[in-house]
PDB file of N, CA and C in Angstrom:
ATOM      1  N   MET A   1      -5.538   5.846 -20.492  1.00  0.00           N
ATOM      2  CA  MET A   1      -4.250   5.762 -21.137  1.00  0.00           C
ATOM      3  C   MET A   1      -3.253   6.705 -20.467  1.00  0.00           C
ATOM      4  N   PHE A   2      -3.752   7.877 -20.070  1.00  0.00           N
ATOM      5  CA  PHE A   2      -2.876   8.834 -19.397  1.00  0.00           C
ATOM      6  C   PHE A   2      -2.297   8.254 -18.120  1.00  0.00           C
ATOM      7  N   VAL A   3      -3.122   7.594 -17.343  1.00  0.00           N
ATOM      8  CA  VAL A   3      -2.670   7.009 -16.080  1.00  0.00           C
ATOM      9  C   VAL A   3      -1.624   5.935 -16.332  1.00  0.00           C
ATOM     10  N   ALA A   4      -1.873   5.063 -17.302  1.00  0.00           N
ATOM     11  CA  ALA A   4      -0.947   3.971 -17.586  1.00  0.00           C
ATOM     12  C   ALA A   4       0.400   4.488 -18.089  1.00  0.00           C
ATOM     13  N   VAL A   5       0.378   5.440 -19.003  1.00  0.00           N
ATOM     14  CA  VAL A   5       1.635   5.962 -19.567  1.00  0.00           C
ATOM     15  C   VAL A   5       2.410   6.741 -18.509  1.00  0.00           C
ATOM     16  N   THR A   6       1.725   7.536 -17.708  1.00  0.00           N
ATOM     17  CA  THR A   6       2.402   8.291 -16.654  1.00  0.00           C
ATOM     18  C   THR A   6       3.026   7.359 -15.619  1.00  0.00           C
ATOM     19  N   ALA A   7       2.288   6.340 -15.201  1.00  0.00           N
ATOM     20  CA  ALA A   7       2.831   5.385 -14.233  1.00  0.00           C
ATOM     21  C   ALA A   7       4.029   4.642 -14.812  1.00  0.00           C
ATOM     22  N   TRP A   8       3.954   4.289 -16.082  1.00  0.00           N
ATOM     23  CA  TRP A   8       5.073   3.579 -16.718  1.00  0.00           C
ATOM     24  C   TRP A   8       6.303   4.473 -16.784  1.00  0.00           C
ATOM     25  N   CYS A   9       6.132   5.737 -17.185  1.00  0.00           N
ATOM     26  CA  CYS A   9       7.277   6.652 -17.284  1.00  0.00           C
ATOM     27  C   CYS A   9       7.918   6.892 -15.921  1.00  0.00           C
ATOM     28  N   LEU A  10       7.106   7.093 -14.893  1.00  0.00           N
ATOM     29  CA  LEU A  10       7.667   7.301 -13.562  1.00  0.00           C
ATOM     30  C   LEU A  10       8.342   6.035 -13.030  1.00  0.00           C
ATOM     31  N   SER A  11       7.821   4.879 -13.370  1.00  0.00           N
ATOM     32  CA  SER A  11       8.476   3.625 -12.975  1.00  0.00           C
ATOM     33  C   SER A  11       9.838   3.492 -13.642  1.00  0.00           C
ATOM     34  N   ILE A  12       9.940   3.894 -14.900  1.00  0.00           N
ATOM     35  CA  ILE A  12      11.232   3.865 -15.606  1.00  0.00           C
ATOM     36  C   ILE A  12      12.207   4.846 -14.963  1.00  0.00           C
ATOM     37  N   VAL A  13      11.726   6.012 -14.546  1.00  0.00           N
ATOM     38  CA  VAL A  13      12.595   6.976 -13.868  1.00  0.00           C
ATOM     39  C   VAL A  13      13.113   6.388 -12.553  1.00  0.00           C
ATOM     40  N   PHE A  14      12.227   5.799 -11.746  1.00  0.00           N
ATOM     41  CA  PHE A  14      12.671   5.172 -10.497  1.00  0.00           C
ATOM     42  C   PHE A  14      13.655   4.043 -10.762  1.00  0.00           C
ATOM     43  N   LEU A  15      13.399   3.215 -11.762  1.00  0.00           N
ATOM     44  CA  LEU A  15      14.310   2.128 -12.106  1.00  0.00           C
ATOM     45  C   LEU A  15      15.677   2.670 -12.501  1.00  0.00           C
ATOM     46  N   SER A  16      15.699   3.716 -13.299  1.00  0.00           N
ATOM     47  CA  SER A  16      16.968   4.310 -13.738  1.00  0.00           C
ATOM     48  C   SER A  16      17.745   4.884 -12.558  1.00  0.00           C
ATOM     49  N   VAL A  17      17.039   5.541 -11.645  1.00  0.00           N
ATOM     50  CA  VAL A  17      17.701   6.119 -10.476  1.00  0.00           C
ATOM     51  C   VAL A  17      18.386   5.019  -9.668  1.00  0.00           C
ATOM     52  N   PHE A  18      17.733   3.888  -9.490  1.00  0.00           N
ATOM     53  CA  PHE A  18      18.323   2.810  -8.707  1.00  0.00           C
ATOM     54  C   PHE A  18      19.386   2.044  -9.480  1.00  0.00           C
ATOM     55  N   LEU A  19      19.184   1.842 -10.784  1.00  0.00           N
ATOM     56  CA  LEU A  19      20.171   1.096 -11.565  1.00  0.00           C
ATOM     57  C   LEU A  19      21.491   1.847 -11.703  1.00  0.00           C
ATOM     58  N   PHE A  20      21.426   3.155 -11.874  1.00  0.00           N
ATOM     59  CA  PHE A  20      22.641   3.934 -12.074  1.00  0.00           C
ATOM     60  C   PHE A  20      23.242   4.454 -10.785  1.00  0.00           C
ATOM     61  N   GLY A  21      22.705   4.077  -9.635  1.00  0.00           N
ATOM     62  CA  GLY A  21      23.290   4.402  -8.344  1.00  0.00           C
ATOM     63  C   GLY A  21      23.012   5.800  -7.838  1.00  0.00           C
ATOM     64  N   TYR A  22      22.087   6.518  -8.439  1.00  0.00           N
ATOM     65  CA  TYR A  22      21.773   7.863  -7.970  1.00  0.00           C
ATOM     66  C   TYR A  22      21.005   7.849  -6.650  1.00  0.00           C
ATOM     67  N   ALA A  23      20.428   6.724  -6.289  1.00  0.00           N
ATOM     68  CA  ALA A  23      19.656   6.640  -5.041  1.00  0.00           C
ATOM     69  C   ALA A  23      20.539   6.891  -3.818  1.00  0.00           C
ATOM     70  N   ASN A  24      21.820   6.509  -3.903  1.00  0.00           N
ATOM     71  CA  ASN A  24      22.742   6.729  -2.790  1.00  0.00           C
ATOM     72  C   ASN A  24      23.205   8.177  -2.722  1.00  0.00           C
ATOM     73  N   ARG A  25      23.156   8.878  -3.843  1.00  0.00           N
ATOM     74  CA  ARG A  25      23.638  10.261  -3.900  1.00  0.00           C
ATOM     75  C   ARG A  25      22.548  11.278  -3.580  1.00  0.00           C
ATOM     76  N   ILE A  26      21.303  10.907  -3.751  1.00  0.00           N
ATOM     77  CA  ILE A  26      20.194  11.828  -3.520  1.00  0.00           C
ATOM     78  C   ILE A  26      19.642  11.577  -2.118  1.00  0.00           C
ATOM     79  N   ALA A  27      19.591  12.626  -1.314  1.00  0.00           N
ATOM     80  CA  ALA A  27      19.121  12.503   0.068  1.00  0.00           C
ATOM     81  C   ALA A  27      17.593  12.538   0.106  1.00  0.00           C
ATOM     82  N   VAL A  28      16.974  11.392  -0.175  1.00  0.00           N
ATOM     83  CA  VAL A  28      15.523  11.269  -0.183  1.00  0.00           C
ATOM     84  C   VAL A  28      15.169  10.017   0.609  1.00  0.00           C
ATOM     85  N   ASN A  29      14.084  10.091   1.353  1.00  0.00           N
ATOM     86  CA  ASN A  29      13.579   8.904   2.018  1.00  0.00           C
ATOM     87  C   ASN A  29      12.877   8.057   0.948  1.00  0.00           C
ATOM     88  N   TRP A  30      13.546   7.051   0.429  1.00  0.00           N
ATOM     89  CA  TRP A  30      13.037   6.277  -0.704  1.00  0.00           C
ATOM     90  C   TRP A  30      11.840   5.419  -0.324  1.00  0.00           C
ATOM     91  N   ASN A  31      11.761   5.008   0.948  1.00  0.00           N
ATOM     92  CA  ASN A  31      10.582   4.261   1.387  1.00  0.00           C
ATOM     93  C   ASN A  31       9.341   5.142   1.356  1.00  0.00           C
ATOM     94  N   GLN A  32       9.494   6.398   1.767  1.00  0.00           N
ATOM     95  CA  GLN A  32       8.376   7.333   1.714  1.00  0.00           C
ATOM     96  C   GLN A  32       8.021   7.660   0.263  1.00  0.00           C
ATOM     97  N   ALA A  33       9.017   7.866  -0.579  1.00  0.00           N
ATOM     98  CA  ALA A  33       8.761   8.150  -1.990  1.00  0.00           C
ATOM     99  C   ALA A  33       8.056   6.980  -2.673  1.00  0.00           C
ATOM    100  N   ASP A  34       8.451   5.769  -2.304  1.00  0.00           N
ATOM    101  CA  ASP A  34       7.806   4.568  -2.858  1.00  0.00           C
ATOM    102  C   ASP A  34       6.340   4.499  -2.427  1.00  0.00           C
ATOM    103  N   PHE A  35       6.088   4.789  -1.153  1.00  0.00           N
ATOM    104  CA  PHE A  35       4.715   4.786  -0.650  1.00  0.00           C
ATOM    105  C   PHE A  35       3.859   5.841  -1.346  1.00  0.00           C
ATOM    106  N   ILE A  36       4.383   7.042  -1.487  1.00  0.00           N
ATOM    107  CA  ILE A  36       3.629   8.120  -2.133  1.00  0.00           C
ATOM    108  C   ILE A  36       3.353   7.792  -3.597  1.00  0.00           C
ATOM    109  N   PHE A  37       4.347   7.273  -4.308  1.00  0.00           N
ATOM    110  CA  PHE A  37       4.166   6.934  -5.722  1.00  0.00           C
ATOM    111  C   PHE A  37       3.103   5.855  -5.895  1.00  0.00           C
ATOM    112  N   HIS A  38       3.225   4.767  -5.132  1.00  0.00           N
ATOM    113  CA  HIS A  38       2.255   3.687  -5.281  1.00  0.00           C
ATOM    114  C   HIS A  38       0.861   4.092  -4.795  1.00  0.00           C
ATOM    115  N   GLY A  39       0.801   4.907  -3.761  1.00  0.00           N
ATOM    116  CA  GLY A  39      -0.495   5.385  -3.284  1.00  0.00           C
ATOM    117  C   GLY A  39      -1.193   6.269  -4.311  1.00  0.00           C
ATOM    118  N   ALA A  40      -0.444   7.195  -4.898  1.00  0.00           N
ATOM    119  CA  ALA A  40      -1.030   8.068  -5.922  1.00  0.00           C
ATOM    120  C   ALA A  40      -1.435   7.272  -7.161  1.00  0.00           C
ATOM    121  N   THR A  41      -0.607   6.323  -7.544  1.00  0.00           N
ATOM    122  CA  THR A  41      -0.927   5.502  -8.706  1.00  0.00           C
ATOM    123  C   THR A  41      -2.160   4.646  -8.442  1.00  0.00           C
ATOM    124  N   PHE A  42      -2.296   4.128  -7.224  1.00  0.00           N
ATOM    125  CA  PHE A  42      -3.502   3.386  -6.862  1.00  0.00           C
ATOM    126  C   PHE A  42      -4.744   4.254  -6.997  1.00  0.00           C
ATOM    127  N   VAL A  43      -4.685   5.463  -6.486  1.00  0.00           N
ATOM    128  CA  VAL A  43      -5.843   6.371  -6.553  1.00  0.00           C
ATOM    129  C   VAL A  43      -6.209   6.660  -8.014  1.00  0.00           C
ATOM    130  N   PHE A  44      -5.205   6.938  -8.840  1.00  0.00           N
ATOM    131  CA  PHE A  44      -5.477   7.249 -10.247  1.00  0.00           C
ATOM    132  C   PHE A  44      -6.008   6.039 -11.006  1.00  0.00           C
ATOM    133  N   TYR A  45      -5.443   4.865 -10.767  1.00  0.00           N
ATOM    134  CA  TYR A  45      -5.944   3.663 -11.441  1.00  0.00           C
ATOM    135  C   TYR A  45      -7.358   3.317 -10.971  1.00  0.00           C
ATOM    136  N   PHE A  46      -7.651   3.507  -9.685  1.00  0.00           N
ATOM    137  CA  PHE A  46      -8.991   3.226  -9.198  1.00  0.00           C
ATOM    138  C   PHE A  46      -9.995   4.209  -9.796  1.00  0.00           C
ATOM    139  N   GLY A  47      -9.585   5.462  -9.927  1.00  0.00           N
ATOM    140  CA  GLY A  47     -10.440   6.441 -10.593  1.00  0.00           C
ATOM    141  C   GLY A  47     -10.686   6.092 -12.049  1.00  0.00           C
ATOM    142  N   ALA A  48      -9.635   5.629 -12.725  1.00  0.00           N
ATOM    143  CA  ALA A  48      -9.785   5.207 -14.121  1.00  0.00           C
ATOM    144  C   ALA A  48     -10.717   4.003 -14.215  1.00  0.00           C
ATOM    145  N   PHE A  49     -10.616   3.084 -13.260  1.00  0.00           N
ATOM    146  CA  PHE A  49     -11.527   1.935 -13.233  1.00  0.00           C
ATOM    147  C   PHE A  49     -12.968   2.387 -13.078  1.00  0.00           C
ATOM    148  N   LEU A  50     -13.224   3.324 -12.162  1.00  0.00           N
ATOM    149  CA  LEU A  50     -14.587   3.799 -11.946  1.00  0.00           C
ATOM    150  C   LEU A  50     -15.150   4.468 -13.196  1.00  0.00           C
ATOM    151  N   LEU A  51     -14.344   5.289 -13.850  1.00  0.00           N
ATOM    152  CA  LEU A  51     -14.800   5.945 -15.078  1.00  0.00           C
ATOM    153  C   LEU A  51     -15.064   4.935 -16.188  1.00  0.00           C
ATOM    154  N   GLN A  52     -14.189   3.950 -16.319  1.00  0.00           N
ATOM    155  CA  GLN A  52     -14.375   2.929 -17.354  1.00  0.00           C
ATOM    156  C   GLN A  52     -15.613   2.083 -17.065  1.00  0.00           C
ATOM    157  N   ALA A  53     -15.816   1.731 -15.812  1.00  0.00           N
ATOM    158  CA  ALA A  53     -16.998   0.942 -15.452  1.00  0.00           C
ATOM    159  C   ALA A  53     -18.282   1.749 -15.671  1.00  0.00           C
ATOM    160  N   ALA A  54     -18.237   3.049 -15.380  1.00  0.00           N
ATOM    161  CA  ALA A  54     -19.415   3.894 -15.616  1.00  0.00           C
ATOM    162  C   ALA A  54     -19.721   3.989 -17.101  1.00  0.00           C
ATOM    163  N   THR A  55     -18.690   4.100 -17.919  1.00  0.00           N
ATOM    164  CA  THR A  55     -18.894   4.132 -19.372  1.00  0.00           C
ATOM    165  C   THR A  55     -19.465   2.811 -19.865  1.00  0.00           C
ATOM    166  N   THR A  56     -18.979   1.716 -19.334  1.00  0.00           N
ATOM    167  CA  THR A  56     -19.468   0.396 -19.729  1.00  0.00           C
ATOM    168  C   THR A  56     -20.930   0.216 -19.344  1.00  0.00           C
ATOM    169  N   SER A  57     -21.322   0.761 -18.211  1.00  0.00           N
ATOM    170  CA  SER A  57     -22.704   0.583 -17.753  1.00  0.00           C
ATOM    171  C   SER A  57     -23.711   1.345 -18.617  1.00  0.00           C
ATOM    172  N   LEU A  58     -23.249   2.271 -19.440  1.00  0.00           N
ATOM    173  CA  LEU A  58     -24.134   3.028 -20.322  1.00  0.00           C
ATOM    174  C   LEU A  58     -24.405   2.316 -21.643  1.00  0.00           C
ATOM    175  N   HIS A  59     -24.006   1.072 -21.760  1.00  0.00           N
ATOM    176  CA  HIS A  59     -24.115   0.341 -23.024  1.00  0.00           C
ATOM    177  C   HIS A  59     -25.546   0.278 -23.546  1.00  0.00           C
ATOM    178  N   TYR A  60     -26.482   0.024 -22.676  1.00  0.00           N
ATOM    179  CA  TYR A  60     -27.861  -0.167 -23.123  1.00  0.00           C
ATOM    180  C   TYR A  60     -28.650   1.139 -23.230  1.00  0.00           C
ATOM    181  N   LEU A  61     -28.030   2.250 -22.873  1.00  0.00           N
ATOM    182  CA  LEU A  61     -28.700   3.535 -22.987  1.00  0.00           C
ATOM    183  C   LEU A  61     -28.812   3.911 -24.473  1.00  0.00           C
ATOM    184  N   PRO A  62     -30.024   4.116 -24.985  1.00  0.00           N
ATOM    185  CA  PRO A  62     -30.148   4.407 -26.424  1.00  0.00           C
ATOM    186  C   PRO A  62     -29.730   5.833 -26.752  1.00  0.00           C
ATOM    187  N   ARG A  63     -29.139   5.965 -27.922  1.00  0.00           N
ATOM    188  CA  ARG A  63     -28.771   7.278 -28.440  1.00  0.00           C
ATOM    189  C   ARG A  63     -29.621   7.508 -29.677  1.00  0.00           C
ATOM    190  N   LYS A  64     -30.429   8.509 -29.656  1.00  0.00           N
ATOM    191  CA  LYS A  64     -31.402   8.734 -30.719  1.00  0.00           C
ATOM    192  C   LYS A  64     -30.802   9.643 -31.799  1.00  0.00           C
ATOM    193  N   PHE A  65     -30.635   9.121 -33.013  1.00  0.00           N
ATOM    194  CA  PHE A  65     -30.129   9.915 -34.127  1.00  0.00           C
ATOM    195  C   PHE A  65     -31.243  10.680 -34.822  1.00  0.00           C
ATOM    196  N   ASN A  66     -32.338  10.003 -35.077  1.00  0.00           N
ATOM    197  CA  ASN A  66     -33.503  10.669 -35.643  1.00  0.00           C
ATOM    198  C   ASN A  66     -34.746   9.957 -35.118  1.00  0.00           C
ATOM    199  N   SER A  67     -35.867  10.295 -35.644  1.00  0.00           N
ATOM    200  CA  SER A  67     -37.109   9.772 -35.077  1.00  0.00           C
ATOM    201  C   SER A  67     -37.358   8.306 -35.402  1.00  0.00           C
ATOM    202  N   THR A  68     -36.630   7.727 -36.351  1.00  0.00           N
ATOM    203  CA  THR A  68     -36.924   6.350 -36.753  1.00  0.00           C
ATOM    204  C   THR A  68     -35.902   5.328 -36.270  1.00  0.00           C
ATOM    205  N   THR A  69     -34.651   5.709 -36.059  1.00  0.00           N
ATOM    206  CA  THR A  69     -33.623   4.737 -35.665  1.00  0.00           C
ATOM    207  C   THR A  69     -33.028   5.105 -34.314  1.00  0.00           C
ATOM    208  N   GLN A  70     -32.671   4.076 -33.581  1.00  0.00           N
ATOM    209  CA  GLN A  70     -31.970   4.269 -32.314  1.00  0.00           C
ATOM    210  C   GLN A  70     -30.786   3.309 -32.274  1.00  0.00           C
ATOM    211  N   GLU A  71     -29.681   3.804 -31.780  1.00  0.00           N
ATOM    212  CA  GLU A  71     -28.495   2.967 -31.596  1.00  0.00           C
ATOM    213  C   GLU A  71     -28.029   3.109 -30.159  1.00  0.00           C
ATOM    214  N   THR A  72     -27.335   2.098 -29.708  1.00  0.00           N
ATOM    215  CA  THR A  72     -26.765   2.176 -28.362  1.00  0.00           C
ATOM    216  C   THR A  72     -25.477   2.988 -28.413  1.00  0.00           C
ATOM    217  N   ILE A  73     -25.061   3.464 -27.249  1.00  0.00           N
ATOM    218  CA  ILE A  73     -23.856   4.289 -27.178  1.00  0.00           C
ATOM    219  C   ILE A  73     -22.623   3.476 -27.578  1.00  0.00           C
ATOM    220  N   LEU A  74     -22.539   2.254 -27.116  1.00  0.00           N
ATOM    221  CA  LEU A  74     -21.413   1.376 -27.446  1.00  0.00           C
ATOM    222  C   LEU A  74     -21.905   0.236 -28.328  1.00  0.00           C
ATOM    223  N   SER A  75     -21.134  -0.061 -29.366  1.00  0.00           N
ATOM    224  CA  SER A  75     -21.463  -1.237 -30.175  1.00  0.00           C
ATOM    225  C   SER A  75     -21.078  -2.491 -29.396  1.00  0.00           C
ATOM    226  N   GLY A  76     -21.416  -3.655 -29.937  1.00  0.00           N
ATOM    227  CA  GLY A  76     -21.094  -4.904 -29.248  1.00  0.00           C
ATOM    228  C   GLY A  76     -19.607  -5.090 -29.027  1.00  0.00           C
ATOM    229  N   ARG A  77     -18.807  -4.771 -30.043  1.00  0.00           N
ATOM    230  CA  ARG A  77     -17.346  -4.909 -29.935  1.00  0.00           C
ATOM    231  C   ARG A  77     -16.786  -3.912 -28.921  1.00  0.00           C
ATOM    232  N   GLU A  78     -17.257  -2.668 -28.976  1.00  0.00           N
ATOM    233  CA  GLU A  78     -16.803  -1.651 -28.033  1.00  0.00           C
ATOM    234  C   GLU A  78     -17.197  -2.010 -26.600  1.00  0.00           C
ATOM    235  N   TYR A  79     -18.353  -2.614 -26.448  1.00  0.00           N
ATOM    236  CA  TYR A  79     -18.809  -3.045 -25.130  1.00  0.00           C
ATOM    237  C   TYR A  79     -17.873  -4.123 -24.571  1.00  0.00           C
ATOM    238  N   ASN A  80     -17.503  -5.090 -25.388  1.00  0.00           N
ATOM    239  CA  ASN A  80     -16.583  -6.147 -24.939  1.00  0.00           C
ATOM    240  C   ASN A  80     -15.217  -5.584 -24.589  1.00  0.00           C
ATOM    241  N   ILE A  81     -14.726  -4.659 -25.390  1.00  0.00           N
ATOM    242  CA  ILE A  81     -13.435  -4.023 -25.105  1.00  0.00           C
ATOM    243  C   ILE A  81     -13.517  -3.228 -23.807  1.00  0.00           C
ATOM    244  N   SER A  82     -14.641  -2.559 -23.584  1.00  0.00           N
ATOM    245  CA  SER A  82     -14.813  -1.769 -22.380  1.00  0.00           C
ATOM    246  C   SER A  82     -14.879  -2.654 -21.134  1.00  0.00           C
ATOM    247  N   ILE A  83     -15.498  -3.809 -21.261  1.00  0.00           N
ATOM    248  CA  ILE A  83     -15.517  -4.761 -20.131  1.00  0.00           C
ATOM    249  C   ILE A  83     -14.098  -5.216 -19.798  1.00  0.00           C
ATOM    250  N   ALA A  84     -13.336  -5.576 -20.818  1.00  0.00           N
ATOM    251  CA  ALA A  84     -11.950  -6.011 -20.589  1.00  0.00           C
ATOM    252  C   ALA A  84     -11.122  -4.890 -19.963  1.00  0.00           C
ATOM    253  N   ALA A  85     -11.304  -3.672 -20.440  1.00  0.00           N
ATOM    254  CA  ALA A  85     -10.563  -2.538 -19.874  1.00  0.00           C
ATOM    255  C   ALA A  85     -10.941  -2.320 -18.412  1.00  0.00           C
ATOM    256  N   SER A  86     -12.211  -2.481 -18.080  1.00  0.00           N
ATOM    257  CA  SER A  86     -12.644  -2.334 -16.693  1.00  0.00           C
ATOM    258  C   SER A  86     -12.013  -3.395 -15.792  1.00  0.00           C
ATOM    259  N   ILE A  87     -11.990  -4.615 -16.270  1.00  0.00           N
ATOM    260  CA  ILE A  87     -11.413  -5.713 -15.481  1.00  0.00           C
ATOM    261  C   ILE A  87      -9.925  -5.504 -15.252  1.00  0.00           C
ATOM    262  N   PHE A  88      -9.198  -5.148 -16.302  1.00  0.00           N
ATOM    263  CA  PHE A  88      -7.755  -4.952 -16.157  1.00  0.00           C
ATOM    264  C   PHE A  88      -7.434  -3.710 -15.325  1.00  0.00           C
ATOM    265  N   ALA A  89      -8.243  -2.658 -15.424  1.00  0.00           N
ATOM    266  CA  ALA A  89      -8.016  -1.477 -14.584  1.00  0.00           C
ATOM    267  C   ALA A  89      -8.246  -1.820 -13.118  1.00  0.00           C
ATOM    268  N   PHE A  90      -9.266  -2.629 -12.838  1.00  0.00           N
ATOM    269  CA  PHE A  90      -9.518  -3.052 -11.454  1.00  0.00           C
ATOM    270  C   PHE A  90      -8.381  -3.920 -10.936  1.00  0.00           C
ATOM    271  N   ALA A  91      -7.918  -4.857 -11.760  1.00  0.00           N
ATOM    272  CA  ALA A  91      -6.815  -5.736 -11.344  1.00  0.00           C
ATOM    273  C   ALA A  91      -5.543  -4.925 -11.081  1.00  0.00           C
ATOM    274  N   THR A  92      -5.263  -3.959 -11.925  1.00  0.00           N
ATOM    275  CA  THR A  92      -4.078  -3.121 -11.738  1.00  0.00           C
ATOM    276  C   THR A  92      -4.216  -2.269 -10.481  1.00  0.00           C
ATOM    277  N   ALA A  93      -5.413  -1.747 -10.244  1.00  0.00           N
ATOM    278  CA  ALA A  93      -5.638  -0.954  -9.034  1.00  0.00           C
ATOM    279  C   ALA A  93      -5.438  -1.807  -7.787  1.00  0.00           C
ATOM    280  N   ILE A  94      -5.901  -3.043  -7.813  1.00  0.00           N
ATOM    281  CA  ILE A  94      -5.703  -3.944  -6.671  1.00  0.00           C
ATOM    282  C   ILE A  94      -4.214  -4.204  -6.447  1.00  0.00           C
ATOM    283  N   CYS A  95      -3.475  -4.433  -7.515  1.00  0.00           N
ATOM    284  CA  CYS A  95      -2.026  -4.674  -7.389  1.00  0.00           C
ATOM    285  C   CYS A  95      -1.315  -3.458  -6.797  1.00  0.00           C
ATOM    286  N   TYR A  96      -1.662  -2.268  -7.282  1.00  0.00           N
ATOM    287  CA  TYR A  96      -1.048  -1.063  -6.722  1.00  0.00           C
ATOM    288  C   TYR A  96      -1.506  -0.826  -5.288  1.00  0.00           C
ATOM    289  N   GLY A  97      -2.730  -1.203  -4.955  1.00  0.00           N
ATOM    290  CA  GLY A  97      -3.190  -1.088  -3.575  1.00  0.00           C
ATOM    291  C   GLY A  97      -2.391  -1.987  -2.635  1.00  0.00           C
ATOM    292  N   CYS A  98      -2.143  -3.218  -3.064  1.00  0.00           N
ATOM    293  CA  CYS A  98      -1.320  -4.134  -2.254  1.00  0.00           C
ATOM    294  C   CYS A  98       0.102  -3.608  -2.124  1.00  0.00           C
ATOM    295  N   SER A  99       0.639  -3.081  -3.210  1.00  0.00           N
ATOM    296  CA  SER A  99       1.985  -2.519  -3.176  1.00  0.00           C
ATOM    297  C   SER A  99       2.048  -1.302  -2.254  1.00  0.00           C
ATOM    298  N   THR A 100       0.984  -0.508  -2.238  1.00  0.00           N
ATOM    299  CA  THR A 100       0.924   0.641  -1.328  1.00  0.00           C
ATOM    300  C   THR A 100       0.932   0.178   0.122  1.00  0.00           C
ATOM    301  N   ALA A 101       0.161  -0.860   0.430  1.00  0.00           N
ATOM    302  CA  ALA A 101       0.127  -1.386   1.796  1.00  0.00           C
ATOM    303  C   ALA A 101       1.501  -1.915   2.214  1.00  0.00           C
ATOM    304  N   LEU A 102       2.163  -2.622   1.319  1.00  0.00           N
ATOM    305  CA  LEU A 102       3.500  -3.134   1.646  1.00  0.00           C
ATOM    306  C   LEU A 102       4.522  -2.012   1.785  1.00  0.00           C
ATOM    307  N   ALA A 103       4.393  -0.964   0.954  1.00  0.00           N
ATOM    308  CA  ALA A 103       5.307   0.172   1.053  1.00  0.00           C
ATOM    309  C   ALA A 103       5.097   0.919   2.367  1.00  0.00           C
ATOM    310  N   LEU A 104       3.841   1.050   2.795  1.00  0.00           N
ATOM    311  CA  LEU A 104       3.560   1.690   4.081  1.00  0.00           C
ATOM    312  C   LEU A 104       4.155   0.885   5.220  1.00  0.00           C
ATOM    313  N   ARG A 105       4.017  -0.415   5.145  1.00  0.00           N
ATOM    314  CA  ARG A 105       4.582  -1.292   6.181  1.00  0.00           C
ATOM    315  C   ARG A 105       6.110  -1.167   6.242  1.00  0.00           C
ATOM    316  N   ARG A 106       6.751  -1.174   5.073  1.00  0.00           N
ATOM    317  CA  ARG A 106       8.214  -1.040   5.018  1.00  0.00           C
ATOM    318  C   ARG A 106       8.650   0.322   5.531  1.00  0.00           C
ATOM    319  N   TRP A 107       7.918   1.377   5.191  1.00  0.00           N
ATOM    320  CA  TRP A 107       8.240   2.730   5.637  1.00  0.00           C
ATOM    321  C   TRP A 107       8.126   2.836   7.146  1.00  0.00           C
ATOM    322  N   ARG A 108       7.078   2.263   7.732  1.00  0.00           N
ATOM    323  CA  ARG A 108       6.893   2.319   9.179  1.00  0.00           C
ATOM    324  C   ARG A 108       7.943   1.491   9.919  1.00  0.00           C
ATOM    325  N   LEU A 109       8.308   0.330   9.352  1.00  0.00           N
ATOM    326  CA  LEU A 109       9.304  -0.512  10.007  1.00  0.00           C
ATOM    327  C   LEU A 109      10.685   0.154  10.009  1.00  0.00           C
ATOM    328  N   ASN A 110      11.015   0.874   8.951  1.00  0.00           N
ATOM    329  CA  ASN A 110      12.326   1.528   8.882  1.00  0.00           C
ATOM    330  C   ASN A 110      12.401   2.803   9.688  1.00  0.00           C
ATOM    331  N   ASN A 111      11.252   3.420   9.983  1.00  0.00           N
ATOM    332  CA  ASN A 111      11.242   4.650  10.788  1.00  0.00           C
ATOM    333  C   ASN A 111      11.244   4.378  12.272  1.00  0.00           C
ATOM    334  N   SER A 112      10.892   3.166  12.683  1.00  0.00           N
ATOM    335  CA  SER A 112      10.854   2.885  14.129  1.00  0.00           C
ATOM    336  C   SER A 112      12.127   2.281  14.635  1.00  0.00           C
TER     337      SER A 112
END
């Protein structure tokens, strides 16, 4: 959740900077800033995907409450939600990875 909210807030900041015309007033290489933002977001989303997938893989690991009953770490509903979260985190990481590659290409083309 931290990764998603942080990426959303920074995207709103970038959108505001461009919508209100501050991009022309601030002396920043925006192609480089775009590459760095998307690259960092890709790394964080991929890390979140790995953590979510690792949590999902622990579904069948028993958690022992006492000597007579055992329950799994994730219930059936939590397991399904965790699978969906893993899939969407992977899809988002792939999208940010593609955006990072395109930003790198645009940055290199404008610097040469």
